[in-house]
Amino acid sequence: MRCGVGSIPVTTSGPAFLKGHGTQNDFVVLLDPEGVHGLTERQARSLCDRRQGLGADGVLRSVPAESGGWFMDYRNADGSTAEMCGNGARVFAVALRDAGLVVGDELAVQTRGGERFVRIVGDEVTVDMGEATTSPRTVRVMSVTSSGRSSMSSTMRTMSGWLVVSACAMCCISTVLPA
């Protein structure tokens, strides 16, 4: 998987920041090597706003981890905290390396979802997301249908599927479940 990170950090009265992308997810990366700049829900929302901010799917703030190395303080575009984002971890690792905060092509990134190992080889960046587990589940989903260009309708319905849990939980819906 390929990642791109802006090459020139911009500094303001707060931490230096970069804009990066990984597999069509884009992030604002805040470099805070001393861990002195907090990040509120409102600040994350403002940074991610695509009309009035920098525009991003999330904010990745780098702060020293308690166990050494780096902690990825990840915020979704709505400002909420998240455990982990695979594309975000890849962008985070490249940003740390390009800023000279880590040396080498392999590093451990601490996240709210646990430690993740990232490897950078050229422009290929991989992250070990851990072992996935599956279990059958029933979930409520919104079904959105479009009838023409200007009208959309949505309904809530219950569907069965398989819950796939790794560093990021996902629910895969199938119309036919295995027996």
Foldseek 3Di string as FASTA:
>chain_A
DFKAKDLDFDDDVAFTWIWMWFPPFIEIEGEDAAPPDDAALVNFLQQCDPPRHVRGQWYWYWYADPVGDTETFIAGNSSHTAFDDFRVVQNNVVVCVSVVVDDAFWDWYQTNLGIWIWGDDPRDIGIPQADKDKDKDKDKDKDWDDDDDPDIDIDIDIFIFMWIDTSDIDTDGDPDDDD
